Amino acid sequence: MEQKTRYKLDEVPLEKLEKVGIKKDFIQKMEQKELNDFLNGFRSQKLYTVNANINGENYKIPAKIRLQKEEGEMKVRMHPIQRLHIPDSYMGHTFTEEEKKSLLKDRNIGKAIELQDFNGKKDKYYIGIDAKTNEVIPLKQRNIQVNDTIKGVTLSASQKEKLLNGEKIQLKGMTGRNDKVFSATLQVDPAARNIGFTNFKQEKAPAQKQTQSETQKQGKGVKV
């Protein structure tokens, strides 16, 4: 069953994308989650090489792409790589010096704050910096769900609350690929729209209570 998205696949303006240098078969190369995000109007995960005219000169530049429907017409928005800059204010919120430092250092403000959209509606958001384009990215807090269990580890109420508030938590004993046990720092990643993992550290797997030989010894009977 296909996931319901804001836009339909047949609404993607392939001709417009081809004009800016993106081949029509790019959709077939997307993974399902990436395609769903793209059809929901989010920035693409990948950078695409697009044609751009800057000061009368033609260039090919890397950029993320995004769908946006305006007055019934589907348009493609380009998000090229830009110089990292934190504005003094954003969506009605004035950044403190501490918040600017967090965004510059961690690319994450580290908490949920109230912002105001273009229609004047206020809501709680996370704010991060896109690692590929250096854009400031807002993400509504209600669009993130924190599961009770992550990679085999059950979160405490305090850990869930911190994650939902945009804070970092340290989580040990998680199980990854090939049943390898690891620890990491977890935090909401607004640009990726998920829970991000950093500072990975491999851990030793829990020792078995008894080795096979010990079990065999204990299983031997007593001679009489």
Protein backbone atom coordinates (compact mmCIF):
# COMPACT_ATOMS: atom_id res chain seq x y z
CA MET A 1 0.00 0.00 0.00
CA GLU A 2 1.49 3.31 -1.11
CA GLN A 3 1.80 6.10 1.41
CA LYS A 4 -0.46 9.10 0.82
CA THR A 5 1.56 12.19 -0.16
CA ARG A 6 0.81 15.88 -0.73
CA TYR A 7 1.51 15.62 -4.46
CA LYS A 8 0.99 12.75 -6.87
CA LEU A 9 3.74 11.18 -8.94
CA ASP A 10 2.13 12.28 -12.20
CA GLU A 11 2.18 15.91 -10.98
CA VAL A 12 5.99 16.07 -10.99
CA PRO A 13 6.92 18.55 -13.78
CA LEU A 14 9.52 16.36 -15.50
CA GLU A 15 9.82 18.73 -18.46
CA LYS A 16 10.72 21.66 -16.18
CA LEU A 17 13.26 19.53 -14.35
CA GLU A 18 14.81 18.43 -17.64
CA LYS A 19 15.18 22.05 -18.70
CA VAL A 20 17.31 22.78 -15.63
CA GLY A 21 19.48 19.74 -16.32
CA ILE A 22 17.87 16.91 -14.33
CA LYS A 23 17.11 13.75 -16.29
CA LYS A 24 13.59 12.36 -16.16
CA ASP A 25 14.69 9.02 -14.73
CA PHE A 26 15.91 10.60 -11.44
CA ILE A 27 12.68 9.50 -9.74
CA GLN A 28 13.36 5.82 -10.51
CA LYS A 29 16.66 6.15 -8.64
CA MET A 30 15.02 7.42 -5.44
CA GLU A 31 14.38 5.11 -2.50
CA GLN A 32 10.76 4.94 -1.35
CA LYS A 33 11.19 7.15 1.74
CA GLU A 34 13.13 9.72 -0.28
CA LEU A 35 10.41 9.73 -2.96
CA ASN A 36 7.64 10.11 -0.35
CA ASP A 37 9.47 13.08 1.21
CA PHE A 38 9.94 14.66 -2.23
CA LEU A 39 6.24 14.23 -3.08
CA ASN A 40 5.39 15.83 0.28
CA GLY A 41 7.22 19.01 -0.74
CA PHE A 42 10.41 18.46 1.28
CA ARG A 43 13.88 19.19 -0.06
CA SER A 44 15.51 16.28 -1.83
CA GLN A 45 18.08 14.35 0.17
CA LYS A 46 20.58 14.41 -2.68
CA LEU A 47 22.25 17.32 -4.45
CA TYR A 48 21.53 17.56 -8.18
CA THR A 49 23.58 19.42 -10.78
CA VAL A 50 21.32 22.14 -12.20
CA ASN A 51 21.67 24.92 -14.76
CA ALA A 52 21.78 28.42 -13.33
CA ASN A 53 22.17 31.88 -14.81
CA ILE A 54 24.12 34.20 -12.51
CA ASN A 55 24.76 37.78 -13.61
CA GLY A 56 24.24 36.82 -17.24
CA GLU A 57 26.62 33.85 -17.08
CA ASN A 58 25.53 30.20 -17.32
CA TYR A 59 26.75 27.79 -14.66
CA LYS A 60 26.14 24.24 -13.48
CA ILE A 61 25.77 24.20 -9.71
CA PRO A 62 24.83 21.57 -7.07
CA ALA A 63 21.44 22.12 -5.43
CA LYS A 64 18.63 20.35 -3.64
CA ILE A 65 15.23 20.47 -5.32
CA ARG A 66 11.74 20.81 -3.90
CA LEU A 67 8.19 20.71 -5.29
CA GLN A 68 5.79 23.57 -4.60
CA LYS A 69 2.33 24.18 -6.03
CA GLU A 70 1.33 27.83 -6.48
CA GLU A 71 -2.07 28.84 -7.85
CA GLY A 72 -2.55 25.38 -9.29
CA GLU A 73 0.83 25.29 -11.05
CA MET A 74 3.53 22.86 -9.94
CA LYS A 75 6.92 24.53 -9.64
CA VAL A 76 10.41 23.35 -8.81
CA ARG A 77 12.38 25.27 -6.19
CA MET A 78 16.18 25.15 -6.15
CA HIS A 79 18.24 25.20 -2.95
CA PRO A 80 21.92 25.67 -3.91
CA ILE A 81 24.85 25.51 -1.51
CA GLN A 82 25.23 28.84 0.26
CA ARG A 83 27.53 30.49 2.75
CA LEU A 84 26.70 29.53 6.31
CA HIS A 85 25.00 32.49 7.95
CA ILE A 86 22.77 32.66 11.02
CA PRO A 87 20.36 35.63 10.78
CA ASP A 88 19.55 37.77 13.80
CA SER A 89 15.92 36.69 13.63
CA TYR A 90 13.99 33.93 11.91
CA MET A 91 10.23 33.33 11.61
CA GLY A 92 9.50 35.83 14.37
CA HIS A 93 12.17 34.55 16.76
CA THR A 94 15.25 36.60 17.69
CA PHE A 95 18.25 34.35 18.21
CA THR A 96 20.30 34.74 21.37
CA GLU A 97 24.09 34.55 21.13
CA GLU A 98 23.97 31.12 22.79
CA GLU A 99 21.48 29.86 20.20
CA LYS A 100 23.66 31.17 17.37
CA LYS A 101 26.67 29.38 18.83
CA SER A 102 24.72 26.11 19.03
CA LEU A 103 23.62 26.43 15.40
CA LEU A 104 27.16 27.17 14.23
CA LYS A 105 28.81 24.46 16.31
CA ASP A 106 26.25 21.63 16.28
CA ARG A 107 24.09 22.75 13.31
CA ASN A 108 21.21 22.36 15.74
CA ILE A 109 19.61 24.82 18.16
CA GLY A 110 19.19 21.99 20.67
CA LYS A 111 15.63 22.72 21.78
CA ALA A 112 12.09 23.32 20.56
CA ILE A 113 11.12 26.98 20.21
CA GLU A 114 8.02 28.90 19.14
CA LEU A 115 8.08 30.24 15.58
CA GLN A 116 5.53 31.98 13.41
CA ASP A 117 4.79 30.92 9.82
CA PHE A 118 3.92 33.16 6.87
CA ASN A 119 0.23 33.06 7.83
CA GLY A 120 0.95 34.28 11.35
CA LYS A 121 0.26 30.89 12.93
CA LYS A 122 2.52 30.01 15.86
CA ASP A 123 3.82 26.54 16.59
CA LYS A 124 6.74 24.74 18.25
CA TYR A 125 9.69 24.02 15.95
CA TYR A 126 13.17 22.54 15.95
CA ILE A 127 15.80 24.44 13.96
CA GLY A 128 18.84 22.96 12.27
CA ILE A 129 21.32 23.67 9.50
CA ASP A 130 21.29 21.54 6.34
CA ALA A 131 24.72 19.91 6.22
CA LYS A 132 24.77 19.95 2.41
CA THR A 133 23.39 23.42 1.59
CA ASN A 134 23.98 25.40 4.84
CA GLU A 135 20.33 26.53 4.89
CA VAL A 136 18.44 27.18 8.12
CA ILE A 137 15.77 24.46 8.32
CA PRO A 138 12.67 24.55 10.59
CA LEU A 139 10.78 21.38 11.53
CA LYS A 140 7.52 21.33 13.45
CA GLN A 141 7.82 19.51 16.75
CA ARG A 142 4.59 17.59 16.14
CA ASN A 143 6.08 16.06 12.98
CA ILE A 144 8.58 14.05 15.04
CA GLN A 145 7.60 10.87 16.84
CA VAL A 146 9.89 9.30 19.43
CA ASN A 147 9.37 5.55 19.79
CA ASP A 148 9.50 3.82 23.16
CA THR A 149 12.35 1.65 21.92
CA ILE A 150 15.31 2.60 19.70
CA LYS A 151 17.65 -0.06 18.34
CA GLY A 152 16.57 -2.51 21.02
CA VAL A 153 16.91 -0.09 23.96
CA THR A 154 13.82 1.04 25.87
CA LEU A 155 13.89 4.77 26.57
CA SER A 156 13.07 6.18 29.98
CA ALA A 157 10.40 8.87 30.29
CA SER A 158 13.17 11.42 30.86
CA GLN A 159 15.06 10.37 27.72
CA LYS A 160 11.91 10.60 25.59
CA GLU A 161 11.11 14.02 26.97
CA LYS A 162 14.63 15.32 26.25
CA LEU A 163 14.54 14.03 22.69
CA LEU A 164 11.13 15.61 22.08
CA ASN A 165 12.48 18.88 23.47
CA GLY A 166 15.31 18.79 20.94
CA GLU A 167 18.04 17.97 23.46
CA LYS A 168 20.83 15.40 23.13
CA ILE A 169 20.80 12.08 24.94
CA GLN A 170 23.45 9.37 25.27
CA LEU A 171 22.15 5.89 24.60
CA LYS A 172 24.13 2.70 25.29
CA GLY A 173 23.56 -0.94 24.41
CA MET A 174 21.91 -0.39 21.03
CA THR A 175 22.08 -3.20 18.48
CA GLY A 176 22.98 -2.35 14.89
CA ARG A 177 23.82 -4.33 11.79
CA ASN A 178 25.29 -7.78 12.22
CA ASP A 179 24.11 -7.66 15.86
CA LYS A 180 26.93 -5.29 16.79
CA VAL A 181 26.34 -3.40 20.04
CA PHE A 182 27.06 0.33 20.09
CA SER A 183 26.42 3.60 21.91
CA ALA A 184 25.75 7.01 20.36
CA THR A 185 24.46 10.53 20.90
CA LEU A 186 20.87 10.97 19.72
CA GLN A 187 19.10 14.21 18.81
CA VAL A 188 16.32 15.36 16.49
CA ASP A 189 17.85 16.34 13.13
CA PRO A 190 15.55 19.01 11.63
CA ALA A 191 17.22 18.94 8.21
CA ALA A 192 16.86 15.16 7.89
CA ARG A 193 13.47 15.13 9.66
CA ASN A 194 14.43 12.22 11.91
CA ILE A 195 16.41 11.21 15.00
CA GLY A 196 20.10 11.64 14.18
CA PHE A 197 22.94 9.49 15.54
CA THR A 198 26.45 10.88 16.19
CA ASN A 199 29.53 9.98 18.26
CA PHE A 200 29.23 6.27 17.57
CA LYS A 201 31.19 3.94 19.82
CA GLN A 202 31.27 0.19 19.52
CA GLU A 203 30.64 -1.75 22.71
CA LYS A 204 31.41 -5.28 23.76
CA ALA A 205 28.56 -7.70 23.34
CA PRO A 206 27.13 -9.00 26.64
CA ALA A 207 29.03 -12.08 27.75
CA GLN A 208 27.09 -15.31 27.82
CA LYS A 209 26.40 -16.59 31.27
CA GLN A 210 27.88 -19.94 30.47
CA THR A 211 30.16 -21.16 27.72
CA GLN A 212 29.31 -24.27 25.85
CA SER A 213 32.06 -26.22 27.60
CA GLU A 214 30.82 -25.15 31.03
CA THR A 215 27.34 -26.25 30.11
CA GLN A 216 28.65 -29.63 28.99
CA LYS A 217 30.58 -30.07 32.26
CA GLN A 218 27.53 -29.28 34.33
CA GLY A 219 25.52 -31.68 32.27
CA LYS A 220 27.83 -34.65 33.00
CA GLY A 221 26.56 -37.21 35.47
CA VAL A 222 28.42 -38.44 38.56
CA LYS A 223 29.98 -41.90 38.23
CA VAL A 224 29.03 -44.44 40.89
